[in-house]
Amino acid sequence: MKTPNAQCHKQLKFSFSAYYYQGNVNSGEVANSAKIANTRPLVYEYADFLNSRLIFTQSEVQKDLFVSDSLFKTNGHLTLSVIKKAEERPGMIVRLYNGHVDDELDDTIMFEKTITKAELVDLKEETIGALEVYSNTIKVPTQKHAKFVTVYVEF
């Protein structure tokens, strides 16, 4: 039976990645490696203006910023999922998840700036409870496989 409308009428382009490791999924850090391979960093806003005649432009500014900088680092046990500004408050949201199979993991987030407030929040960014801060470091609660934790911080 011919089905011409079910055929692909254009050329498709795909990318492929392979990650080789020895051992099980957990020791291979597959979740973290997949996150790094599949997530492009968003570094500027791409927007059309004036009926697509102009692309988001920036004026020339003196280039005196650091070539690289760090907001925080983790022990790398959990996989980083989200870093964003909080919707209703002045701080930021950091979300991590456990990509290991059958392992319960915790993590530590070490910030470069002085933290004034740290809370465990839900997906609506509503407070679940306060988190202790010690030397700008937050201990993230233990997470089971495929579970995530959301942290709100203010500087």
N, C-alpha and C. Protein backbone atom coordinates (compact mmCIF):
# COMPACT_ATOMS: atom_id res chain seq x y z
N MET A 1 0.84 -1.17 0.00
CA MET A 1 0.00 0.00 0.00
C MET A 1 0.89 1.24 0.00
N LYS A 2 0.71 2.10 -0.95
CA LYS A 2 1.50 3.32 -1.04
C LYS A 2 0.98 4.35 -0.04
N THR A 3 1.91 4.99 0.64
CA THR A 3 1.56 6.06 1.60
C THR A 3 2.53 7.22 1.42
N PRO A 4 2.37 8.01 0.35
CA PRO A 4 3.33 9.09 0.06
C PRO A 4 3.36 10.17 1.15
N ASN A 5 2.27 10.41 1.83
CA ASN A 5 2.26 11.42 2.90
C ASN A 5 2.98 10.95 4.16
N ALA A 6 3.26 9.66 4.25
CA ALA A 6 3.96 9.13 5.43
C ALA A 6 5.46 9.10 5.21
N GLN A 7 5.91 9.50 4.04
CA GLN A 7 7.34 9.50 3.75
C GLN A 7 7.98 10.78 4.27
N CYS A 8 9.25 10.69 4.56
CA CYS A 8 10.00 11.86 4.99
C CYS A 8 10.37 12.66 3.75
N HIS A 9 9.91 13.90 3.66
CA HIS A 9 10.11 14.72 2.46
C HIS A 9 11.22 15.74 2.61
N LYS A 10 12.08 15.56 3.59
CA LYS A 10 13.20 16.49 3.74
C LYS A 10 14.38 15.75 4.34
N GLN A 11 15.52 16.36 4.19
CA GLN A 11 16.73 15.76 4.74
C GLN A 11 16.79 16.07 6.24
N LEU A 12 17.13 15.07 7.03
CA LEU A 12 17.25 15.24 8.47
C LEU A 12 18.71 15.15 8.87
N LYS A 13 19.07 15.89 9.92
CA LYS A 13 20.44 15.91 10.40
C LYS A 13 20.44 15.49 11.86
N PHE A 14 21.34 14.59 12.23
CA PHE A 14 21.43 14.09 13.60
C PHE A 14 22.86 14.20 14.09
N SER A 15 23.02 14.28 15.38
CA SER A 15 24.35 14.19 15.97
C SER A 15 24.38 12.96 16.86
N PHE A 16 25.55 12.42 17.04
CA PHE A 16 25.69 11.18 17.78
C PHE A 16 26.89 11.29 18.70
N SER A 17 26.74 10.78 19.90
CA SER A 17 27.85 10.76 20.85
C SER A 17 28.01 9.35 21.38
N ALA A 18 29.24 9.01 21.68
CA ALA A 18 29.53 7.71 22.30
C ALA A 18 30.39 7.97 23.53
N TYR A 19 30.10 7.26 24.59
CA TYR A 19 30.84 7.41 25.83
C TYR A 19 31.28 6.02 26.27
N TYR A 20 32.58 5.80 26.30
CA TYR A 20 33.11 4.50 26.65
C TYR A 20 33.66 4.54 28.07
N TYR A 21 33.35 3.55 28.85
CA TYR A 21 33.86 3.45 30.21
C TYR A 21 33.89 1.98 30.60
N GLN A 22 34.63 1.71 31.63
CA GLN A 22 34.70 0.34 32.11
C GLN A 22 34.05 0.30 33.48
N GLY A 23 33.16 -0.61 33.70
CA GLY A 23 32.47 -0.72 34.98
C GLY A 23 30.99 -0.53 34.81
N ASN A 24 30.32 -0.27 35.93
CA ASN A 24 28.87 -0.10 35.86
C ASN A 24 28.50 1.35 35.58
N VAL A 25 27.21 1.60 35.42
CA VAL A 25 26.71 2.93 35.08
C VAL A 25 27.11 3.96 36.13
N ASN A 26 27.07 3.60 37.38
CA ASN A 26 27.40 4.54 38.46
C ASN A 26 28.87 4.92 38.45
N SER A 27 29.76 3.94 38.37
CA SER A 27 31.19 4.26 38.41
C SER A 27 31.63 4.98 37.14
N GLY A 28 30.89 4.80 36.07
CA GLY A 28 31.19 5.49 34.82
C GLY A 28 30.69 6.92 34.78
N GLU A 29 29.95 7.36 35.81
CA GLU A 29 29.40 8.72 35.87
C GLU A 29 28.65 9.06 34.57
N VAL A 30 27.82 8.14 34.12
CA VAL A 30 27.10 8.29 32.86
C VAL A 30 26.14 9.48 32.89
N ALA A 31 25.42 9.68 33.97
CA ALA A 31 24.45 10.79 34.04
C ALA A 31 25.14 12.14 33.90
N ASN A 32 26.24 12.35 34.61
CA ASN A 32 26.96 13.61 34.50
C ASN A 32 27.54 13.81 33.11
N SER A 33 28.10 12.76 32.53
CA SER A 33 28.67 12.85 31.19
C SER A 33 27.60 13.14 30.13
N ALA A 34 26.44 12.52 30.26
CA ALA A 34 25.34 12.77 29.33
C ALA A 34 24.85 14.21 29.45
N LYS A 35 24.76 14.72 30.67
CA LYS A 35 24.33 16.10 30.89
C LYS A 35 25.30 17.07 30.23
N ILE A 36 26.59 16.85 30.39
CA ILE A 36 27.61 17.72 29.79
C ILE A 36 27.53 17.65 28.27
N ALA A 37 27.39 16.46 27.72
CA ALA A 37 27.36 16.29 26.27
C ALA A 37 26.11 16.89 25.63
N ASN A 38 24.99 16.87 26.33
CA ASN A 38 23.72 17.29 25.74
C ASN A 38 23.28 18.70 26.09
N THR A 39 24.02 19.40 26.93
CA THR A 39 23.60 20.72 27.37
C THR A 39 24.58 21.77 26.88
N ARG A 40 24.10 22.63 26.03
CA ARG A 40 24.91 23.76 25.59
C ARG A 40 24.71 24.90 26.57
N PRO A 41 25.78 25.59 26.94
CA PRO A 41 25.61 26.72 27.86
C PRO A 41 24.94 27.90 27.14
N LEU A 42 23.99 28.53 27.79
CA LEU A 42 23.31 29.70 27.25
C LEU A 42 24.05 30.92 27.77
N VAL A 43 24.71 31.63 26.87
CA VAL A 43 25.55 32.74 27.30
C VAL A 43 25.06 34.11 26.86
N TYR A 44 24.10 34.19 25.97
CA TYR A 44 23.51 35.45 25.58
C TYR A 44 22.10 35.22 25.08
N GLU A 45 21.35 36.29 24.98
CA GLU A 45 19.98 36.17 24.49
C GLU A 45 19.96 36.42 23.00
N TYR A 46 19.39 35.51 22.26
CA TYR A 46 19.25 35.64 20.82
C TYR A 46 17.82 36.07 20.54
N ALA A 47 17.64 37.28 20.05
CA ALA A 47 16.28 37.77 19.84
C ALA A 47 16.21 38.62 18.58
N ASP A 48 15.12 38.53 17.85
CA ASP A 48 14.90 39.33 16.66
C ASP A 48 14.20 40.64 17.04
N PHE A 49 14.60 41.71 16.40
CA PHE A 49 13.96 43.00 16.62
C PHE A 49 13.60 43.61 15.26
N LEU A 50 12.64 44.48 15.25
CA LEU A 50 12.23 45.21 14.05
C LEU A 50 12.00 44.29 12.86
N ASN A 51 11.10 43.36 13.02
CA ASN A 51 10.72 42.44 11.95
C ASN A 51 11.92 41.70 11.37
N SER A 52 12.76 41.22 12.22
CA SER A 52 13.92 40.39 11.84
C SER A 52 15.02 41.16 11.11
N ARG A 53 14.99 42.49 11.14
CA ARG A 53 16.06 43.23 10.46
C ARG A 53 17.31 43.33 11.32
N LEU A 54 17.13 43.30 12.61
CA LEU A 54 18.27 43.38 13.51
C LEU A 54 18.29 42.18 14.44
N ILE A 55 19.46 41.69 14.72
CA ILE A 55 19.63 40.64 15.71
C ILE A 55 20.17 41.33 16.96
N PHE A 56 19.78 40.85 18.11
CA PHE A 56 20.19 41.38 19.41
C PHE A 56 21.65 41.84 19.35
N THR A 57 21.87 43.14 19.40
CA THR A 57 23.21 43.68 19.29
C THR A 57 23.64 44.30 20.60
N GLN A 58 24.91 44.33 20.81
CA GLN A 58 25.47 44.96 22.00
C GLN A 58 26.51 45.97 21.55
N SER A 59 26.56 47.08 22.26
CA SER A 59 27.57 48.08 21.92
C SER A 59 28.94 47.59 22.37
N GLU A 60 29.96 48.17 21.78
CA GLU A 60 31.32 47.80 22.15
C GLU A 60 31.59 48.26 23.58
N VAL A 61 32.07 47.36 24.38
CA VAL A 61 32.43 47.68 25.76
C VAL A 61 33.85 47.20 26.01
N GLN A 62 34.48 47.84 26.97
CA GLN A 62 35.84 47.43 27.32
C GLN A 62 35.80 46.00 27.86
N LYS A 63 36.65 45.16 27.35
CA LYS A 63 36.65 43.75 27.72
C LYS A 63 37.61 43.51 28.88
N ASP A 64 37.10 43.80 30.09
CA ASP A 64 37.94 43.67 31.27
C ASP A 64 37.41 42.62 32.25
N LEU A 65 36.47 41.80 31.79
CA LEU A 65 35.95 40.74 32.64
C LEU A 65 36.91 39.56 32.65
N PHE A 66 36.79 38.72 33.66
CA PHE A 66 37.61 37.53 33.74
C PHE A 66 37.29 36.60 32.57
N VAL A 67 38.27 35.91 32.07
CA VAL A 67 38.06 34.94 31.00
C VAL A 67 37.19 33.80 31.51
N SER A 68 37.39 33.43 32.76
CA SER A 68 36.54 32.42 33.37
C SER A 68 36.30 32.81 34.83
N ASP A 69 35.22 32.30 35.37
CA ASP A 69 34.86 32.59 36.75
C ASP A 69 34.04 31.41 37.26
N SER A 70 33.83 31.36 38.56
CA SER A 70 33.07 30.26 39.13
C SER A 70 32.10 30.79 40.17
N LEU A 71 30.87 30.36 40.11
CA LEU A 71 29.87 30.72 41.10
C LEU A 71 29.91 29.73 42.26
N PHE A 72 30.02 28.44 41.91
CA PHE A 72 30.10 27.41 42.93
C PHE A 72 30.69 26.15 42.33
N LYS A 73 31.00 25.20 43.19
CA LYS A 73 31.41 23.87 42.74
C LYS A 73 30.76 22.85 43.67
N THR A 74 30.66 21.63 43.17
CA THR A 74 30.08 20.55 43.96
C THR A 74 31.08 19.40 44.02
N ASN A 75 30.75 18.40 44.82
CA ASN A 75 31.57 17.19 44.84
C ASN A 75 31.33 16.34 43.60
N GLY A 76 30.25 16.62 42.87
CA GLY A 76 29.95 15.90 41.63
C GLY A 76 29.22 14.59 41.82
N HIS A 77 28.70 14.34 43.01
CA HIS A 77 27.94 13.11 43.22
C HIS A 77 26.59 13.19 42.51
N LEU A 78 25.90 14.32 42.68
CA LEU A 78 24.62 14.53 42.00
C LEU A 78 24.87 15.28 40.70
N THR A 79 23.94 15.19 39.76
CA THR A 79 24.07 15.84 38.46
C THR A 79 23.36 17.19 38.49
N LEU A 80 24.05 18.24 38.06
CA LEU A 80 23.47 19.57 38.02
C LEU A 80 22.42 19.62 36.92
N SER A 81 21.23 20.11 37.27
CA SER A 81 20.13 20.17 36.32
C SER A 81 19.78 21.61 35.96
N VAL A 82 19.70 22.50 36.95
CA VAL A 82 19.25 23.87 36.71
C VAL A 82 20.04 24.85 37.56
N ILE A 83 20.41 25.98 36.96
CA ILE A 83 20.87 27.16 37.68
C ILE A 83 20.08 28.31 37.06
N LYS A 84 19.32 29.02 37.86
CA LYS A 84 18.53 30.12 37.32
C LYS A 84 18.20 31.12 38.40
N LYS A 85 17.77 32.30 38.00
CA LYS A 85 17.29 33.28 38.96
C LYS A 85 15.93 32.82 39.45
N ALA A 86 15.68 33.01 40.74
CA ALA A 86 14.38 32.64 41.31
C ALA A 86 13.29 33.52 40.70
N GLU A 87 12.09 32.96 40.57
CA GLU A 87 10.98 33.67 39.92
C GLU A 87 10.48 34.86 40.72
N GLU A 88 10.27 34.69 42.02
CA GLU A 88 9.62 35.72 42.83
C GLU A 88 10.54 36.37 43.86
N ARG A 89 11.76 35.88 43.99
CA ARG A 89 12.67 36.40 45.01
C ARG A 89 14.00 36.78 44.38
N PRO A 90 14.85 37.49 45.12
CA PRO A 90 16.09 38.01 44.53
C PRO A 90 17.20 36.98 44.36
N GLY A 91 17.10 35.82 44.96
CA GLY A 91 18.17 34.83 44.91
C GLY A 91 18.16 33.98 43.67
N MET A 92 18.82 32.83 43.77
CA MET A 92 18.91 31.92 42.63
C MET A 92 18.51 30.51 43.03
N ILE A 93 18.18 29.72 42.04
CA ILE A 93 17.77 28.34 42.22
C ILE A 93 18.87 27.42 41.66
N VAL A 94 19.21 26.40 42.42
CA VAL A 94 20.13 25.35 41.98
C VAL A 94 19.41 24.02 42.17
N ARG A 95 19.29 23.25 41.09
CA ARG A 95 18.61 21.95 41.17
C ARG A 95 19.59 20.85 40.76
N LEU A 96 19.62 19.78 41.55
CA LEU A 96 20.49 18.63 41.29
C LEU A 96 19.65 17.37 41.32
N TYR A 97 20.08 16.34 40.60
CA TYR A 97 19.36 15.07 40.66
C TYR A 97 20.33 13.90 40.73
N ASN A 98 19.80 12.77 41.19
CA ASN A 98 20.60 11.55 41.33
C ASN A 98 20.41 10.71 40.07
N GLY A 99 21.45 10.65 39.24
CA GLY A 99 21.39 9.86 38.01
C GLY A 99 22.00 8.48 38.17
N HIS A 100 22.39 8.13 39.38
CA HIS A 100 22.95 6.79 39.62
C HIS A 100 21.83 5.77 39.80
N VAL A 101 22.11 4.55 39.42
CA VAL A 101 21.14 3.47 39.55
C VAL A 101 21.33 2.81 40.92
N ASP A 102 20.26 2.69 41.67
CA ASP A 102 20.24 2.00 42.97
C ASP A 102 21.17 2.59 44.02
N ASP A 103 21.66 3.79 43.84
CA ASP A 103 22.51 4.43 44.85
C ASP A 103 21.77 5.60 45.45
N GLU A 104 21.93 5.81 46.75
CA GLU A 104 21.45 7.01 47.41
C GLU A 104 22.65 7.92 47.57
N LEU A 105 22.53 9.16 47.06
CA LEU A 105 23.67 10.09 47.06
C LEU A 105 23.30 11.41 47.70
N ASP A 106 24.30 12.04 48.30
CA ASP A 106 24.16 13.42 48.74
C ASP A 106 25.24 14.22 48.04
N ASP A 107 25.31 15.50 48.30
CA ASP A 107 26.34 16.33 47.69
C ASP A 107 26.56 17.55 48.56
N THR A 108 27.60 18.28 48.23
CA THR A 108 27.93 19.52 48.92
C THR A 108 28.13 20.59 47.86
N ILE A 109 27.52 21.76 48.07
CA ILE A 109 27.70 22.89 47.16
C ILE A 109 28.55 23.93 47.87
N MET A 110 29.69 24.26 47.28
CA MET A 110 30.61 25.23 47.86
C MET A 110 30.57 26.50 47.01
N PHE A 111 30.01 27.58 47.55
CA PHE A 111 29.85 28.83 46.81
C PHE A 111 31.07 29.72 46.97
N GLU A 112 31.33 30.53 45.95
CA GLU A 112 32.44 31.48 45.98
C GLU A 112 32.04 32.78 46.67
N LYS A 113 30.75 33.08 46.72
CA LYS A 113 30.24 34.29 47.36
C LYS A 113 29.71 33.96 48.74
N THR A 114 29.52 35.00 49.56
CA THR A 114 28.98 34.83 50.90
C THR A 114 27.47 34.62 50.82
N ILE A 115 27.00 33.52 51.36
CA ILE A 115 25.58 33.18 51.34
C ILE A 115 24.90 33.84 52.54
N THR A 116 23.79 34.54 52.29
CA THR A 116 23.02 35.14 53.38
C THR A 116 21.79 34.32 53.73
N LYS A 117 21.33 33.48 52.80
CA LYS A 117 20.14 32.66 53.03
C LYS A 117 20.21 31.42 52.15
N ALA A 118 19.84 30.26 52.71
CA ALA A 118 19.78 29.02 51.94
C ALA A 118 18.57 28.22 52.40
N GLU A 119 17.76 27.78 51.44
CA GLU A 119 16.55 27.03 51.75
C GLU A 119 16.37 25.86 50.79
N LEU A 120 15.76 24.83 51.29
CA LEU A 120 15.29 23.73 50.47
C LEU A 120 13.91 24.16 49.98
N VAL A 121 13.67 24.12 48.65
CA VAL A 121 12.39 24.56 48.10
C VAL A 121 11.81 23.49 47.19
N ASP A 122 10.52 23.64 46.88
CA ASP A 122 9.87 22.71 45.95
C ASP A 122 9.93 23.30 44.53
N LEU A 123 9.25 22.67 43.58
CA LEU A 123 9.28 23.15 42.20
C LEU A 123 8.59 24.49 42.00
N LYS A 124 7.70 24.85 42.92
CA LYS A 124 7.07 26.17 42.87
C LYS A 124 7.95 27.22 43.53
N GLU A 125 9.12 26.79 44.00
CA GLU A 125 10.08 27.63 44.69
C GLU A 125 9.55 28.11 46.04
N GLU A 126 8.67 27.32 46.63
CA GLU A 126 8.16 27.62 47.97
C GLU A 126 9.01 26.87 48.99
N THR A 127 9.26 27.51 50.11
CA THR A 127 10.17 26.98 51.13
C THR A 127 9.66 25.70 51.76
N ILE A 128 10.54 24.70 51.82
CA ILE A 128 10.28 23.46 52.54
C ILE A 128 10.95 23.53 53.91
N GLY A 129 12.17 24.08 53.91
CA GLY A 129 12.90 24.22 55.16
C GLY A 129 14.22 24.94 54.93
N ALA A 130 14.80 25.41 56.02
CA ALA A 130 16.08 26.11 55.94
C ALA A 130 17.22 25.10 55.81
N LEU A 131 18.31 25.52 55.19
CA LEU A 131 19.52 24.72 55.08
C LEU A 131 20.63 25.42 55.84
N GLU A 132 21.43 24.64 56.55
CA GLU A 132 22.56 25.22 57.27
C GLU A 132 23.66 25.58 56.31
N VAL A 133 24.28 26.74 56.57
CA VAL A 133 25.39 27.21 55.76
C VAL A 133 26.62 27.27 56.66
N TYR A 134 27.68 26.61 56.22
CA TYR A 134 28.93 26.63 56.97
C TYR A 134 30.05 26.98 56.01
N SER A 135 30.67 28.13 56.22
CA SER A 135 31.74 28.62 55.34
C SER A 135 31.30 28.64 53.87
N ASN A 136 30.12 29.18 53.62
CA ASN A 136 29.54 29.29 52.27
C ASN A 136 29.37 27.94 51.59
N THR A 137 29.15 26.92 52.40
CA THR A 137 28.96 25.56 51.91
C THR A 137 27.62 25.03 52.40
N ILE A 138 26.89 24.37 51.50
CA ILE A 138 25.59 23.79 51.82
C ILE A 138 25.67 22.28 51.61
N LYS A 139 25.21 21.53 52.58
CA LYS A 139 25.11 20.06 52.47
C LYS A 139 23.73 19.74 51.91
N VAL A 140 23.70 19.09 50.74
CA VAL A 140 22.44 18.74 50.08
C VAL A 140 21.95 17.41 50.64
N PRO A 141 20.65 17.31 50.98
CA PRO A 141 20.11 16.05 51.52
C PRO A 141 20.29 14.87 50.57
N THR A 142 20.35 13.69 51.13
CA THR A 142 20.50 12.45 50.37
C THR A 142 19.30 12.25 49.45
N GLN A 143 19.58 11.85 48.21
CA GLN A 143 18.54 11.62 47.21
C GLN A 143 18.62 10.19 46.70
N LYS A 144 17.45 9.57 46.52
CA LYS A 144 17.38 8.23 45.93
C LYS A 144 17.52 8.34 44.42
N HIS A 145 17.63 7.19 43.75
CA HIS A 145 17.75 7.15 42.30
C HIS A 145 16.61 7.91 41.63
N ALA A 146 16.96 8.72 40.63
CA ALA A 146 16.02 9.49 39.81
C ALA A 146 15.24 10.54 40.60
N LYS A 147 15.71 10.93 41.77
CA LYS A 147 15.07 11.99 42.56
C LYS A 147 15.92 13.24 42.47
N PHE A 148 15.30 14.39 42.69
CA PHE A 148 16.01 15.66 42.60
C PHE A 148 15.78 16.50 43.84
N VAL A 149 16.62 17.50 44.00
CA VAL A 149 16.53 18.43 45.13
C VAL A 149 16.73 19.84 44.58
N THR A 150 15.95 20.79 45.10
CA THR A 150 16.01 22.17 44.65
C THR A 150 16.41 23.05 45.83
N VAL A 151 17.42 23.89 45.61
CA VAL A 151 17.97 24.75 46.66
C VAL A 151 17.83 26.21 46.21
N TYR A 152 17.39 27.06 47.15
CA TYR A 152 17.32 28.50 46.92
C TYR A 152 18.41 29.16 47.75
N VAL A 153 19.20 30.06 47.13
CA VAL A 153 20.25 30.77 47.86
C VAL A 153 20.21 32.26 47.54
N GLU A 154 20.56 33.04 48.54
CA GLU A 154 20.73 34.48 48.38
C GLU A 154 22.14 34.85 48.80
N PHE A 155 22.68 35.86 48.15
CA PHE A 155 24.04 36.32 48.46
C PHE A 155 23.99 37.72 49.03
